[in-house]
Amino acid sequence: MSHPISSSTVLPIESVHDYEGADHDRLAGRFGPDAVAFDGESGARLSAARVLEFRERLNGLIAEFFSPEAAEWTSPVKYGFRWILMPVDTAPLEDSRADR
């Protein structure tokens, strides 16, 4: 199945509804004045070893903050996030930065 190229990221519709609803509620003040929301996107050329290191460290952070044992069950606000790490491009054949 081919996918047309677009400038938007495709998320499962359930996720879109969850995040749109949550953002509406956040803007309406439902989560209180201290609620935090942020997003971002990054990209870099990394070796397989660095990507594996990143994956391990990210999994460690996820376990540290989002595992059932780490949850602060008395907090009135539940946070969630989704992420994807995957190759998105190959290096050009002639890239002078690769010689550094």
PDB file of N, CA and C in Angstrom:
ATOM      1  N   MET A   1       0.845  -1.181   0.000  1.00  0.00           N
ATOM      2  CA  MET A   1       0.000   0.000   0.000  1.00  0.00           C
ATOM      3  C   MET A   1       0.889   1.242   0.000  1.00  0.00           C
ATOM      4  N   SER A   2       0.673   2.142  -0.908  1.00  0.00           N
ATOM      5  CA  SER A   2       1.468   3.365  -0.946  1.00  0.00           C
ATOM      6  C   SER A   2       0.750   4.469  -0.175  1.00  0.00           C
ATOM      7  N   HIS A   3       1.551   5.368   0.366  1.00  0.00           N
ATOM      8  CA  HIS A   3       1.019   6.494   1.126  1.00  0.00           C
ATOM      9  C   HIS A   3       1.449   7.790   0.446  1.00  0.00           C
ATOM     10  N   PRO A   4       0.527   8.699   0.224  1.00  0.00           N
ATOM     11  CA  PRO A   4       0.924   9.982  -0.372  1.00  0.00           C
ATOM     12  C   PRO A   4       1.811  10.759   0.597  1.00  0.00           C
ATOM     13  N   ILE A   5       2.739  11.499   0.057  1.00  0.00           N
ATOM     14  CA  ILE A   5       3.604  12.336   0.877  1.00  0.00           C
ATOM     15  C   ILE A   5       2.810  13.544   1.340  1.00  0.00           C
ATOM     16  N   SER A   6       2.888  13.835   2.622  1.00  0.00           N
ATOM     17  CA  SER A   6       2.197  15.004   3.151  1.00  0.00           C
ATOM     18  C   SER A   6       3.035  15.620   4.248  1.00  0.00           C
ATOM     19  N   SER A   7       2.644  16.778   4.705  1.00  0.00           N
ATOM     20  CA  SER A   7       3.378  17.460   5.756  1.00  0.00           C
ATOM     21  C   SER A   7       2.829  17.138   7.140  1.00  0.00           C
ATOM     22  N   SER A   8       1.922  16.188   7.241  1.00  0.00           N
ATOM     23  CA  SER A   8       1.340  15.869   8.539  1.00  0.00           C
ATOM     24  C   SER A   8       1.701  14.447   8.947  1.00  0.00           C
ATOM     25  N   THR A   9       1.821  14.253  10.246  1.00  0.00           N
ATOM     26  CA  THR A   9       2.089  12.944  10.802  1.00  0.00           C
ATOM     27  C   THR A   9       0.776  12.199  10.957  1.00  0.00           C
ATOM     28  N   VAL A  10       0.776  10.943  10.629  1.00  0.00           N
ATOM     29  CA  VAL A  10      -0.430  10.135  10.737  1.00  0.00           C
ATOM     30  C   VAL A  10      -0.434   9.417  12.078  1.00  0.00           C
ATOM     31  N   LEU A  11      -1.484   9.617  12.848  1.00  0.00           N
ATOM     32  CA  LEU A  11      -1.672   8.948  14.135  1.00  0.00           C
ATOM     33  C   LEU A  11      -2.953   8.133  14.074  1.00  0.00           C
ATOM     34  N   PRO A  12      -3.016   7.063  14.841  1.00  0.00           N
ATOM     35  CA  PRO A  12      -4.296   6.339  14.910  1.00  0.00           C
ATOM     36  C   PRO A  12      -5.406   7.297  15.344  1.00  0.00           C
ATOM     37  N   ILE A  13      -6.580   7.152  14.756  1.00  0.00           N
ATOM     38  CA  ILE A  13      -7.683   8.082  15.024  1.00  0.00           C
ATOM     39  C   ILE A  13      -8.019   8.139  16.506  1.00  0.00           C
ATOM     40  N   GLU A  14      -7.878   7.010  17.212  1.00  0.00           N
ATOM     41  CA  GLU A  14      -8.154   7.012  18.652  1.00  0.00           C
ATOM     42  C   GLU A  14      -7.207   7.962  19.371  1.00  0.00           C
ATOM     43  N   SER A  15      -5.932   7.963  18.979  1.00  0.00           N
ATOM     44  CA  SER A  15      -4.960   8.868  19.600  1.00  0.00           C
ATOM     45  C   SER A  15      -5.297  10.320  19.310  1.00  0.00           C
ATOM     46  N   VAL A  16      -5.662  10.584  18.072  1.00  0.00           N
ATOM     47  CA  VAL A  16      -6.022  11.954  17.694  1.00  0.00           C
ATOM     48  C   VAL A  16      -7.178  12.441  18.556  1.00  0.00           C
ATOM     49  N   HIS A  17      -8.215  11.630  18.691  1.00  0.00           N
ATOM     50  CA  HIS A  17      -9.364  12.021  19.515  1.00  0.00           C
ATOM     51  C   HIS A  17      -8.955  12.212  20.974  1.00  0.00           C
ATOM     52  N   ASP A  18      -8.123  11.317  21.496  1.00  0.00           N
ATOM     53  CA  ASP A  18      -7.671  11.437  22.885  1.00  0.00           C
ATOM     54  C   ASP A  18      -6.929  12.749  23.109  1.00  0.00           C
ATOM     55  N   TYR A  19      -5.975  13.052  22.206  1.00  0.00           N
ATOM     56  CA  TYR A  19      -5.174  14.259  22.390  1.00  0.00           C
ATOM     57  C   TYR A  19      -5.966  15.535  22.119  1.00  0.00           C
ATOM     58  N   GLU A  20      -6.832  15.521  21.135  1.00  0.00           N
ATOM     59  CA  GLU A  20      -7.659  16.703  20.882  1.00  0.00           C
ATOM     60  C   GLU A  20      -8.580  16.977  22.065  1.00  0.00           C
ATOM     61  N   GLY A  21      -9.202  15.926  22.577  1.00  0.00           N
ATOM     62  CA  GLY A  21     -10.079  16.098  23.739  1.00  0.00           C
ATOM     63  C   GLY A  21      -9.320  16.579  24.956  1.00  0.00           C
ATOM     64  N   ALA A  22      -8.150  15.988  25.186  1.00  0.00           N
ATOM     65  CA  ALA A  22      -7.346  16.385  26.342  1.00  0.00           C
ATOM     66  C   ALA A  22      -6.868  17.822  26.217  1.00  0.00           C
ATOM     67  N   ASP A  23      -6.462  18.240  25.009  1.00  0.00           N
ATOM     68  CA  ASP A  23      -6.005  19.613  24.841  1.00  0.00           C
ATOM     69  C   ASP A  23      -7.153  20.593  25.037  1.00  0.00           C
ATOM     70  N   HIS A  24      -8.330  20.257  24.563  1.00  0.00           N
ATOM     71  CA  HIS A  24      -9.506  21.097  24.790  1.00  0.00           C
ATOM     72  C   HIS A  24      -9.758  21.236  26.291  1.00  0.00           C
ATOM     73  N   ASP A  25      -9.707  20.123  27.000  1.00  0.00           N
ATOM     74  CA  ASP A  25      -9.913  20.146  28.453  1.00  0.00           C
ATOM     75  C   ASP A  25      -8.824  20.953  29.157  1.00  0.00           C
ATOM     76  N   ARG A  26      -7.565  20.804  28.697  1.00  0.00           N
ATOM     77  CA  ARG A  26      -6.459  21.557  29.303  1.00  0.00           C
ATOM     78  C   ARG A  26      -6.663  23.049  29.115  1.00  0.00           C
ATOM     79  N   LEU A  27      -7.018  23.460  27.892  1.00  0.00           N
ATOM     80  CA  LEU A  27      -7.230  24.879  27.617  1.00  0.00           C
ATOM     81  C   LEU A  27      -8.419  25.434  28.393  1.00  0.00           C
ATOM     82  N   ALA A  28      -9.371  24.577  28.697  1.00  0.00           N
ATOM     83  CA  ALA A  28     -10.534  24.994  29.481  1.00  0.00           C
ATOM     84  C   ALA A  28     -10.237  25.005  30.980  1.00  0.00           C
ATOM     85  N   GLY A  29      -9.035  24.590  31.372  1.00  0.00           N
ATOM     86  CA  GLY A  29      -8.644  24.630  32.780  1.00  0.00           C
ATOM     87  C   GLY A  29      -9.000  23.392  33.579  1.00  0.00           C
ATOM     88  N   ARG A  30      -9.454  22.350  32.928  1.00  0.00           N
ATOM     89  CA  ARG A  30      -9.898  21.152  33.649  1.00  0.00           C
ATOM     90  C   ARG A  30      -8.788  20.518  34.472  1.00  0.00           C
ATOM     91  N   PHE A  31      -7.544  20.604  34.012  1.00  0.00           N
ATOM     92  CA  PHE A  31      -6.429  19.961  34.698  1.00  0.00           C
ATOM     93  C   PHE A  31      -5.727  20.886  35.684  1.00  0.00           C
ATOM     94  N   GLY A  32      -6.242  22.071  35.863  1.00  0.00           N
ATOM     95  CA  GLY A  32      -5.660  23.020  36.802  1.00  0.00           C
ATOM     96  C   GLY A  32      -4.598  23.887  36.158  1.00  0.00           C
ATOM     97  N   PRO A  33      -4.149  24.893  36.903  1.00  0.00           N
ATOM     98  CA  PRO A  33      -3.212  25.866  36.338  1.00  0.00           C
ATOM     99  C   PRO A  33      -1.790  25.333  36.155  1.00  0.00           C
ATOM    100  N   ASP A  34      -1.448  24.213  36.780  1.00  0.00           N
ATOM    101  CA  ASP A  34      -0.085  23.698  36.701  1.00  0.00           C
ATOM    102  C   ASP A  34       0.090  22.596  35.665  1.00  0.00           C
ATOM    103  N   ALA A  35      -0.947  22.301  34.886  1.00  0.00           N
ATOM    104  CA  ALA A  35      -0.851  21.231  33.886  1.00  0.00           C
ATOM    105  C   ALA A  35       0.209  21.572  32.847  1.00  0.00           C
ATOM    106  N   VAL A  36       0.977  20.586  32.455  1.00  0.00           N
ATOM    107  CA  VAL A  36       2.066  20.760  31.501  1.00  0.00           C
ATOM    108  C   VAL A  36       1.731  20.032  30.209  1.00  0.00           C
ATOM    109  N   ALA A  37       1.974  20.693  29.095  1.00  0.00           N
ATOM    110  CA  ALA A  37       1.821  20.061  27.785  1.00  0.00           C
ATOM    111  C   ALA A  37       2.942  20.569  26.892  1.00  0.00           C
ATOM    112  N   PHE A  38       3.558  19.685  26.160  1.00  0.00           N
ATOM    113  CA  PHE A  38       4.576  20.095  25.199  1.00  0.00           C
ATOM    114  C   PHE A  38       4.729  19.014  24.141  1.00  0.00           C
ATOM    115  N   ASP A  39       5.320  19.392  23.034  1.00  0.00           N
ATOM    116  CA  ASP A  39       5.609  18.435  21.975  1.00  0.00           C
ATOM    117  C   ASP A  39       6.866  18.887  21.269  1.00  0.00           C
ATOM    118  N   GLY A  40       7.356  18.068  20.408  1.00  0.00           N
ATOM    119  CA  GLY A  40       8.553  18.413  19.664  1.00  0.00           C
ATOM    120  C   GLY A  40       8.897  17.330  18.672  1.00  0.00           C
ATOM    121  N   GLU A  41       9.852  17.636  17.857  1.00  0.00           N
ATOM    122  CA  GLU A  41      10.340  16.675  16.875  1.00  0.00           C
ATOM    123  C   GLU A  41      11.820  16.919  16.677  1.00  0.00           C
ATOM    124  N   SER A  42      12.589  15.852  16.608  1.00  0.00           N
ATOM    125  CA  SER A  42      14.032  15.970  16.427  1.00  0.00           C
ATOM    126  C   SER A  42      14.505  14.933  15.427  1.00  0.00           C
ATOM    127  N   GLY A  43      15.625  15.195  14.845  1.00  0.00           N
ATOM    128  CA  GLY A  43      16.226  14.231  13.943  1.00  0.00           C
ATOM    129  C   GLY A  43      17.720  14.436  13.901  1.00  0.00           C
ATOM    130  N   ALA A  44      18.461  13.354  13.766  1.00  0.00           N
ATOM    131  CA  ALA A  44      19.920  13.430  13.666  1.00  0.00           C
ATOM    132  C   ALA A  44      20.432  12.141  13.029  1.00  0.00           C
ATOM    133  N   ARG A  45      21.561  12.223  12.413  1.00  0.00           N
ATOM    134  CA  ARG A  45      22.211  11.023  11.900  1.00  0.00           C
ATOM    135  C   ARG A  45      22.939  10.372  13.070  1.00  0.00           C
ATOM    136  N   LEU A  46      22.569   9.133  13.371  1.00  0.00           N
ATOM    137  CA  LEU A  46      23.149   8.415  14.505  1.00  0.00           C
ATOM    138  C   LEU A  46      23.583   7.030  14.077  1.00  0.00           C
ATOM    139  N   SER A  47      24.635   6.547  14.704  1.00  0.00           N
ATOM    140  CA  SER A  47      25.065   5.170  14.457  1.00  0.00           C
ATOM    141  C   SER A  47      24.092   4.218  15.139  1.00  0.00           C
ATOM    142  N   ALA A  48      24.142   2.967  14.730  1.00  0.00           N
ATOM    143  CA  ALA A  48      23.286   1.955  15.350  1.00  0.00           C
ATOM    144  C   ALA A  48      23.552   1.883  16.850  1.00  0.00           C
ATOM    145  N   ALA A  49      24.807   2.005  17.252  1.00  0.00           N
ATOM    146  CA  ALA A  49      25.147   1.942  18.677  1.00  0.00           C
ATOM    147  C   ALA A  49      24.500   3.092  19.446  1.00  0.00           C
ATOM    148  N   ARG A  50      24.525   4.293  18.886  1.00  0.00           N
ATOM    149  CA  ARG A  50      23.916   5.454  19.569  1.00  0.00           C
ATOM    150  C   ARG A  50      22.400   5.305  19.646  1.00  0.00           C
ATOM    151  N   VAL A  51      21.788   4.775  18.583  1.00  0.00           N
ATOM    152  CA  VAL A  51      20.343   4.580  18.603  1.00  0.00           C
ATOM    153  C   VAL A  51      19.971   3.551  19.668  1.00  0.00           C
ATOM    154  N   LEU A  52      20.734   2.476  19.773  1.00  0.00           N
ATOM    155  CA  LEU A  52      20.463   1.478  20.811  1.00  0.00           C
ATOM    156  C   LEU A  52      20.632   2.081  22.202  1.00  0.00           C
ATOM    157  N   GLU A  53      21.657   2.928  22.374  1.00  0.00           N
ATOM    158  CA  GLU A  53      21.846   3.614  23.662  1.00  0.00           C
ATOM    159  C   GLU A  53      20.649   4.507  23.964  1.00  0.00           C
ATOM    160  N   PHE A  54      20.192   5.260  22.960  1.00  0.00           N
ATOM    161  CA  PHE A  54      19.028   6.132  23.151  1.00  0.00           C
ATOM    162  C   PHE A  54      17.810   5.309  23.548  1.00  0.00           C
ATOM    163  N   ARG A  55      17.577   4.206  22.835  1.00  0.00           N
ATOM    164  CA  ARG A  55      16.427   3.357  23.140  1.00  0.00           C
ATOM    165  C   ARG A  55      16.482   2.853  24.581  1.00  0.00           C
ATOM    166  N   GLU A  56      17.642   2.405  25.013  1.00  0.00           N
ATOM    167  CA  GLU A  56      17.776   1.913  26.385  1.00  0.00           C
ATOM    168  C   GLU A  56      17.531   3.017  27.405  1.00  0.00           C
ATOM    169  N   ARG A  57      18.093   4.194  27.159  1.00  0.00           N
ATOM    170  CA  ARG A  57      17.906   5.303  28.096  1.00  0.00           C
ATOM    171  C   ARG A  57      16.458   5.772  28.115  1.00  0.00           C
ATOM    172  N   LEU A  58      15.824   5.835  26.933  1.00  0.00           N
ATOM    173  CA  LEU A  58      14.413   6.231  26.880  1.00  0.00           C
ATOM    174  C   LEU A  58      13.550   5.212  27.605  1.00  0.00           C
ATOM    175  N   ASN A  59      13.796   3.932  27.366  1.00  0.00           N
ATOM    176  CA  ASN A  59      13.038   2.897  28.079  1.00  0.00           C
ATOM    177  C   ASN A  59      13.241   3.009  29.588  1.00  0.00           C
ATOM    178  N   GLY A  60      14.444   3.378  30.012  1.00  0.00           N
ATOM    179  CA  GLY A  60      14.697   3.594  31.435  1.00  0.00           C
ATOM    180  C   GLY A  60      13.876   4.752  31.982  1.00  0.00           C
ATOM    181  N   LEU A  61      13.804   5.849  31.241  1.00  0.00           N
ATOM    182  CA  LEU A  61      12.998   6.994  31.668  1.00  0.00           C
ATOM    183  C   LEU A  61      11.513   6.647  31.704  1.00  0.00           C
ATOM    184  N   ILE A  62      11.059   5.899  30.695  1.00  0.00           N
ATOM    185  CA  ILE A  62       9.652   5.493  30.678  1.00  0.00           C
ATOM    186  C   ILE A  62       9.342   4.652  31.906  1.00  0.00           C
ATOM    187  N   ALA A  63      10.206   3.707  32.215  1.00  0.00           N
ATOM    188  CA  ALA A  63       9.994   2.865  33.400  1.00  0.00           C
ATOM    189  C   ALA A  63      10.056   3.698  34.677  1.00  0.00           C
ATOM    190  N   GLU A  64      10.984   4.648  34.725  1.00  0.00           N
ATOM    191  CA  GLU A  64      11.146   5.478  35.923  1.00  0.00           C
ATOM    192  C   GLU A  64       9.917   6.352  36.184  1.00  0.00           C
ATOM    193  N   PHE A  65       9.304   6.874  35.130  1.00  0.00           N
ATOM    194  CA  PHE A  65       8.210   7.819  35.307  1.00  0.00           C
ATOM    195  C   PHE A  65       6.812   7.251  35.044  1.00  0.00           C
ATOM    196  N   PHE A  66       6.694   6.219  34.201  1.00  0.00           N
ATOM    197  CA  PHE A  66       5.363   5.797  33.763  1.00  0.00           C
ATOM    198  C   PHE A  66       4.986   4.362  34.119  1.00  0.00           C
ATOM    199  N   SER A  67       5.843   3.641  34.787  1.00  0.00           N
ATOM    200  CA  SER A  67       5.453   2.279  35.179  1.00  0.00           C
ATOM    201  C   SER A  67       4.411   2.361  36.296  1.00  0.00           C
ATOM    202  N   PRO A  68       3.610   1.321  36.467  1.00  0.00           N
ATOM    203  CA  PRO A  68       2.618   1.341  37.549  1.00  0.00           C
ATOM    204  C   PRO A  68       3.250   1.573  38.922  1.00  0.00           C
ATOM    205  N   GLU A  69       4.450   1.050  39.113  1.00  0.00           N
ATOM    206  CA  GLU A  69       5.126   1.237  40.404  1.00  0.00           C
ATOM    207  C   GLU A  69       5.574   2.681  40.618  1.00  0.00           C
ATOM    208  N   ALA A  70       5.826   3.407  39.536  1.00  0.00           N
ATOM    209  CA  ALA A  70       6.307   4.782  39.639  1.00  0.00           C
ATOM    210  C   ALA A  70       5.182   5.804  39.670  1.00  0.00           C
ATOM    211  N   ALA A  71       3.988   5.375  39.336  1.00  0.00           N
ATOM    212  CA  ALA A  71       2.869   6.313  39.258  1.00  0.00           C
ATOM    213  C   ALA A  71       2.592   6.958  40.611  1.00  0.00           C
ATOM    214  N   GLU A  72       2.235   8.203  40.567  1.00  0.00           N
ATOM    215  CA  GLU A  72       1.800   8.940  41.756  1.00  0.00           C
ATOM    216  C   GLU A  72       0.281   8.900  41.748  1.00  0.00           C
ATOM    217  N   TRP A  73      -0.261   7.867  42.344  1.00  0.00           N
ATOM    218  CA  TRP A  73      -1.691   7.589  42.243  1.00  0.00           C
ATOM    219  C   TRP A  73      -2.563   8.665  42.875  1.00  0.00           C
ATOM    220  N   THR A  74      -1.986   9.517  43.715  1.00  0.00           N
ATOM    221  CA  THR A  74      -2.772  10.590  44.315  1.00  0.00           C
ATOM    222  C   THR A  74      -2.844  11.828  43.417  1.00  0.00           C
ATOM    223  N   SER A  75      -2.046  11.859  42.345  1.00  0.00           N
ATOM    224  CA  SER A  75      -2.076  13.006  41.435  1.00  0.00           C
ATOM    225  C   SER A  75      -3.426  13.060  40.729  1.00  0.00           C
ATOM    226  N   PRO A  76      -4.011  14.245  40.637  1.00  0.00           N
ATOM    227  CA  PRO A  76      -5.300  14.355  39.957  1.00  0.00           C
ATOM    228  C   PRO A  76      -5.173  14.315  38.432  1.00  0.00           C
ATOM    229  N   VAL A  77      -3.955  14.429  37.906  1.00  0.00           N
ATOM    230  CA  VAL A  77      -3.752  14.499  36.461  1.00  0.00           C
ATOM    231  C   VAL A  77      -2.955  13.287  35.989  1.00  0.00           C
ATOM    232  N   LYS A  78      -3.439  12.641  34.945  1.00  0.00           N
ATOM    233  CA  LYS A  78      -2.725  11.541  34.303  1.00  0.00           C
ATOM    234  C   LYS A  78      -2.122  12.070  33.006  1.00  0.00           C
ATOM    235  N   TYR A  79      -0.837  11.818  32.784  1.00  0.00           N
ATOM    236  CA  TYR A  79      -0.149  12.243  31.565  1.00  0.00           C
ATOM    237  C   TYR A  79       0.091  11.049  30.663  1.00  0.00           C
ATOM    238  N   GLY A  80       0.141  11.290  29.378  1.00  0.00           N
ATOM    239  CA  GLY A  80       0.450  10.256  28.409  1.00  0.00           C
ATOM    240  C   GLY A  80       1.215  10.832  27.243  1.00  0.00           C
ATOM    241  N   PHE A  81       1.927   9.964  26.549  1.00  0.00           N
ATOM    242  CA  PHE A  81       2.638  10.390  25.350  1.00  0.00           C
ATOM    243  C   PHE A  81       2.783   9.195  24.421  1.00  0.00           C
ATOM    244  N   ARG A  82       3.021   9.488  23.166  1.00  0.00           N
ATOM    245  CA  ARG A  82       3.322   8.471  22.164  1.00  0.00           C
ATOM    246  C   ARG A  82       4.578   8.926  21.436  1.00  0.00           C
ATOM    247  N   TRP A  83       5.369   7.996  20.988  1.00  0.00           N
ATOM    248  CA  TRP A  83       6.574   8.356  20.259  1.00  0.00           C
ATOM    249  C   TRP A  83       6.893   7.279  19.235  1.00  0.00           C
ATOM    250  N   ILE A  84       7.660   7.667  18.242  1.00  0.00           N
ATOM    251  CA  ILE A  84       8.127   6.759  17.199  1.00  0.00           C
ATOM    252  C   ILE A  84       9.594   7.086  16.944  1.00  0.00           C
ATOM    253  N   LEU A  85      10.425   6.076  16.941  1.00  0.00           N
ATOM    254  CA  LEU A  85      11.821   6.240  16.553  1.00  0.00           C
ATOM    255  C   LEU A  85      12.060   5.303  15.383  1.00  0.00           C
ATOM    256  N   MET A  86      12.421   5.860  14.254  1.00  0.00           N
ATOM    257  CA  MET A  86      12.663   5.024  13.077  1.00  0.00           C
ATOM    258  C   MET A  86      13.538   5.770  12.092  1.00  0.00           C
ATOM    259  N   PRO A  87      14.217   5.036  11.195  1.00  0.00           N
ATOM    260  CA  PRO A  87      15.001   5.716  10.163  1.00  0.00           C
ATOM    261  C   PRO A  87      14.069   6.530   9.269  1.00  0.00           C
ATOM    262  N   VAL A  88      14.509   7.729   8.918  1.00  0.00           N
ATOM    263  CA  VAL A  88      13.678   8.589   8.067  1.00  0.00           C
ATOM    264  C   VAL A  88      14.392   9.048   6.804  1.00  0.00           C
ATOM    265  N   ASP A  89      15.692   8.797   6.715  1.00  0.00           N
ATOM    266  CA  ASP A  89      16.444   9.275   5.568  1.00  0.00           C
ATOM    267  C   ASP A  89      17.775   8.534   5.526  1.00  0.00           C
ATOM    268  N   THR A  90      18.417   8.525   4.370  1.00  0.00           N
ATOM    269  CA  THR A  90      19.762   7.993   4.253  1.00  0.00           C
ATOM    270  C   THR A  90      20.709   9.148   3.980  1.00  0.00           C
ATOM    271  N   ALA A  91      21.971   8.937   4.298  1.00  0.00           N
ATOM    272  CA  ALA A  91      22.953   9.993   4.085  1.00  0.00           C
ATOM    273  C   ALA A  91      23.190  10.192   2.589  1.00  0.00           C
ATOM    274  N   PRO A  92      23.352  11.436   2.178  1.00  0.00           N
ATOM    275  CA  PRO A  92      23.699  11.664   0.762  1.00  0.00           C
ATOM    276  C   PRO A  92      25.046  11.012   0.468  1.00  0.00           C
ATOM    277  N   LEU A  93      25.258  10.629  -0.787  1.00  0.00           N
ATOM    278  CA  LEU A  93      26.509   9.968  -1.144  1.00  0.00           C
ATOM    279  C   LEU A  93      27.723  10.865  -0.889  1.00  0.00           C
ATOM    280  N   GLU A  94      27.550  12.161  -1.077  1.00  0.00           N
ATOM    281  CA  GLU A  94      28.653  13.087  -0.859  1.00  0.00           C
ATOM    282  C   GLU A  94      28.249  14.094   0.207  1.00  0.00           C
ATOM    283  N   ASP A  95      28.607  13.801   1.448  1.00  0.00           N
ATOM    284  CA  ASP A  95      28.306  14.696   2.555  1.00  0.00           C
ATOM    285  C   ASP A  95      29.605  14.957   3.288  1.00  0.00           C
ATOM    286  N   SER A  96      30.150  16.160   3.151  1.00  0.00           N
ATOM    287  CA  SER A  96      31.454  16.472   3.737  1.00  0.00           C
ATOM    288  C   SER A  96      31.439  16.364   5.255  1.00  0.00           C
ATOM    289  N   ARG A  97      30.283  16.470   5.867  1.00  0.00           N
ATOM    290  CA  ARG A  97      30.221  16.352   7.322  1.00  0.00           C
ATOM    291  C   ARG A  97      30.555  14.944   7.781  1.00  0.00           C
ATOM    292  N   ALA A  98      30.374  13.950   6.942  1.00  0.00           N
ATOM    293  CA  ALA A  98      30.670  12.561   7.309  1.00  0.00           C
ATOM    294  C   ALA A  98      32.173  12.346   7.470  1.00  0.00           C
ATOM    295  N   ASP A  99      32.993  13.226   6.928  1.00  0.00           N
ATOM    296  CA  ASP A  99      34.454  13.087   7.037  1.00  0.00           C
ATOM    297  C   ASP A  99      34.993  13.669   8.337  1.00  0.00           C
ATOM    298  N   ARG A 100      34.173  14.299   9.103  1.00  0.00           N
ATOM    299  CA  ARG A 100      34.651  14.962  10.337  1.00  0.00           C
ATOM    300  C   ARG A 100      34.825  13.973  11.448  1.00  0.00           C
TER     301      ARG A 100
END
